[in-house]
Protein backbone atom coordinates (compact mmCIF):
# COMPACT_ATOMS: atom_id res chain seq x y z
CA MET A 1 -6.91 -6.43 -9.11
CA ASN A 2 -8.33 -9.87 -9.75
CA THR A 3 -9.83 -10.91 -6.42
CA ALA A 4 -10.80 -14.40 -7.66
CA ILE A 5 -7.13 -15.31 -8.16
CA ALA A 6 -6.12 -13.68 -4.87
CA GLU A 7 -8.84 -15.65 -3.00
CA ALA A 8 -7.62 -18.84 -4.72
CA GLY A 9 -4.10 -18.13 -3.61
CA ALA A 10 -5.41 -17.55 -0.08
CA LEU A 11 -7.34 -20.82 -0.24
CA VAL A 12 -4.29 -22.79 -1.28
CA LEU A 13 -2.14 -21.10 1.42
CA LEU A 14 -4.77 -21.76 4.17
CA SER A 15 -5.42 -25.37 3.03
CA MET A 16 -1.70 -26.21 3.22
CA ALA A 17 -1.41 -24.48 6.59
CA PHE A 18 -4.48 -26.32 7.91
CA VAL A 19 -2.99 -29.71 7.09
CA LEU A 20 0.37 -28.92 8.63
CA ASP A 21 -1.07 -27.26 11.74
CA VAL A 22 -3.57 -30.07 12.51
CA ARG A 23 -0.98 -32.82 11.83
CA PHE A 24 2.10 -31.34 13.33
CA MET A 25 1.03 -28.21 15.25
CA ILE A 26 3.44 -26.10 13.22
CA ILE A 27 3.22 -23.71 10.28
CA PRO A 28 6.76 -23.68 8.76
CA ASN A 29 8.60 -20.71 7.23
CA ARG A 30 9.02 -22.70 4.02
CA LEU A 31 5.23 -22.26 3.54
CA THR A 32 4.81 -18.68 4.79
CA VAL A 33 7.76 -16.96 3.21
CA PRO A 34 7.23 -18.12 -0.37
CA SER A 35 3.51 -17.48 0.04
CA PHE A 36 4.17 -13.87 1.17
CA ALA A 37 6.50 -13.37 -1.83
CA ALA A 38 3.95 -14.87 -4.22
CA GLY A 39 1.12 -12.65 -2.82
CA CYS A 40 3.28 -9.57 -3.27
CA VAL A 41 4.31 -10.56 -6.82
CA PHE A 42 0.67 -11.32 -7.76
CA GLN A 43 -0.59 -8.04 -6.43
CA ALA A 44 2.24 -6.15 -8.16
CA LEU A 45 1.46 -7.84 -11.48
CA ALA A 46 -2.23 -7.19 -11.05
CA GLY A 47 -2.01 -3.60 -9.84
CA GLY A 48 1.50 -2.29 -10.38
CA TRP A 49 3.04 -0.30 -7.53
CA GLN A 50 -0.35 0.26 -5.98
CA GLY A 51 -0.89 -3.49 -5.94
CA PHE A 52 2.49 -4.06 -4.36
CA ILE A 53 1.78 -1.42 -1.65
CA TYR A 54 -1.64 -3.00 -1.10
CA ALA A 55 0.06 -6.43 -0.52
CA VAL A 56 2.69 -5.04 1.84
CA PHE A 57 0.07 -3.11 3.84
CA GLY A 58 -2.10 -6.25 3.98
CA ALA A 59 0.89 -8.20 5.23
CA VAL A 60 1.62 -5.55 7.91
CA VAL A 61 -1.96 -5.57 9.15
CA GLY A 62 -2.09 -9.36 9.26
CA PHE A 63 1.27 -9.56 11.00
CA PHE A 64 0.51 -6.98 13.72
CA VAL A 65 -2.99 -8.20 14.45
CA LEU A 66 -1.67 -11.71 15.15
CA LEU A 67 1.42 -10.35 16.87
CA LEU A 68 -0.87 -9.02 19.62
CA LEU A 69 -2.32 -12.50 20.04
CA TYR A 70 1.19 -13.95 20.00
CA GLY A 71 2.14 -11.60 22.82
CA LEU A 72 -0.75 -13.01 24.82
CA LYS A 73 0.49 -16.52 23.99
CA ALA A 74 -2.79 -17.27 22.26
CA VAL A 75 -1.17 -18.22 18.94
CA GLY A 76 2.24 -19.38 17.71
CA ALA A 77 4.74 -17.53 15.63
CA GLY A 78 3.78 -19.53 12.55
CA ASP A 79 0.27 -18.18 12.78
CA VAL A 80 1.67 -14.67 12.87
CA LYS A 81 3.68 -15.22 9.71
CA LEU A 82 0.81 -17.03 8.08
CA PHE A 83 -1.44 -14.01 8.54
CA ALA A 84 1.28 -11.78 7.08
CA ALA A 85 1.38 -13.95 3.97
CA LEU A 86 -2.42 -14.05 3.88
CA GLY A 87 -2.50 -10.27 4.06
CA ALA A 88 -0.23 -10.05 1.05
CA TRP A 89 -2.78 -12.09 -0.91
CA VAL A 90 -6.07 -10.55 0.23
CA GLY A 91 -5.18 -7.06 1.48
CA PRO A 92 -5.65 -5.20 4.76
CA SER A 93 -9.42 -5.15 5.10
CA ASP A 94 -9.92 -8.77 4.29
CA VAL A 95 -7.08 -10.01 6.43
CA TRP A 96 -8.62 -8.07 9.28
CA ARG A 97 -11.93 -9.85 8.70
CA TYR A 98 -10.19 -13.25 8.60
CA ALA A 99 -8.54 -12.48 11.92
CA VAL A 100 -11.76 -11.28 13.58
CA TYR A 101 -13.79 -14.31 12.52
CA ALA A 102 -10.90 -16.70 13.47
CA VAL A 103 -10.63 -15.12 16.97
CA LEU A 104 -14.37 -15.35 17.50
CA ILE A 105 -14.44 -19.01 16.45
CA ALA A 106 -11.32 -19.72 18.56
CA GLY A 107 -13.17 -18.23 21.52
CA ALA A 108 -16.04 -20.59 20.96
CA TYR A 109 -13.62 -23.51 20.71
CA GLY A 110 -11.99 -22.34 23.92
CA ILE A 111 -15.36 -22.46 25.70
CA VAL A 112 -15.88 -25.96 24.41
CA LEU A 113 -12.40 -27.00 25.69
CA LEU A 114 -13.09 -25.48 29.06
CA THR A 115 -16.32 -27.45 29.22
CA LEU A 116 -14.49 -30.64 28.15
CA ASP A 117 -11.97 -30.01 30.94
CA SER A 118 -14.47 -30.70 33.75
CA PRO A 119 -13.77 -33.97 35.67
CA LEU A 120 -17.12 -35.56 34.66
CA VAL A 121 -16.63 -34.88 30.97
CA ARG A 122 -12.96 -35.94 31.13
CA ARG A 123 -14.11 -39.39 32.49
CA ARG A 124 -16.71 -39.74 29.77
CA ILE A 125 -14.17 -38.81 27.11
CA ALA A 126 -11.69 -41.32 28.50
CA LEU A 127 -14.34 -44.01 28.09
CA ASN A 128 -15.58 -43.07 24.62
CA MET A 129 -12.77 -41.27 22.75
CA THR A 130 -9.47 -39.54 23.17
CA LEU A 131 -8.28 -36.10 22.17
CA PRO A 132 -5.43 -36.05 19.63
CA ALA A 133 -2.13 -36.27 21.51
CA ALA A 134 -0.74 -33.11 19.80
CA TRP A 135 -3.44 -31.12 21.54
CA ILE A 136 -2.18 -32.00 25.01
CA VAL A 137 0.46 -29.55 26.21
CA VAL A 138 3.58 -31.35 27.42
CA ASP A 139 5.81 -29.92 30.17
CA GLU A 140 9.22 -29.36 28.55
CA GLU A 141 11.18 -30.21 31.70
CA THR A 142 9.47 -33.42 32.65
CA GLY A 143 8.17 -34.54 29.24
CA LYS A 144 4.85 -35.38 30.87
CA PRO A 145 1.37 -33.94 29.97
CA SER A 146 0.76 -30.73 31.89
CA GLY A 147 -2.98 -31.19 32.06
CA ARG A 148 -3.62 -28.22 29.71
CA LEU A 149 -5.23 -28.59 26.34
CA ARG A 150 -4.64 -26.47 23.23
CA PHE A 151 -5.86 -26.75 19.67
CA PRO A 152 -4.40 -25.77 16.28
CA PHE A 153 -5.48 -22.24 15.48
CA MET A 154 -6.16 -23.32 11.93
CA LEU A 155 -9.30 -25.07 13.29
CA ALA A 156 -10.66 -21.58 13.83
CA VAL A 157 -9.02 -19.95 10.80
CA MET A 158 -10.63 -22.17 8.17
CA PRO A 159 -14.20 -21.64 9.37
CA GLY A 160 -13.40 -17.96 9.76
CA ALA A 161 -12.19 -17.95 6.18
CA ALA A 162 -15.37 -19.63 5.05
CA ALA A 163 -17.40 -16.98 6.86
CA VAL A 164 -15.39 -14.23 5.12
CA TRP A 165 -15.99 -15.88 1.72
CA TYR A 166 -19.68 -16.41 2.45
CA PHE A 167 -20.49 -12.90 3.77
């Protein structure tokens, strides 16, 4: 199997997901479904039936690892499907590594957001800069900001992917 092409496919997928997640806080099915299919086709062409099974197993690992986080309401459904598509491209062991690094980086971001949520820091932020509006959770019933902050998971996935590629 040609890992350079698989990593290039993963990079294209993650780059597109990054732009969509940061701008709109959504990773659409029209990105994840064709990416999953392309990963499976690539792996099948590169490795025959073994390659196809490798892609499907990678997708299953990526899906279920993120499904656990989805159950905890830590990520959205688009992130789950994204990791399934990513697993089809890079296989089970690499998608596991992507997820581990992304979760560690997301934890660090979470600590930063908790620090930013203190009243003193909030006043300083209000004077100097504002957080992107999409990162403020809005109450669905009232339509007003709930006071909670969230960030696109892709802000953790891309540095996690860079760590996987580096190490």
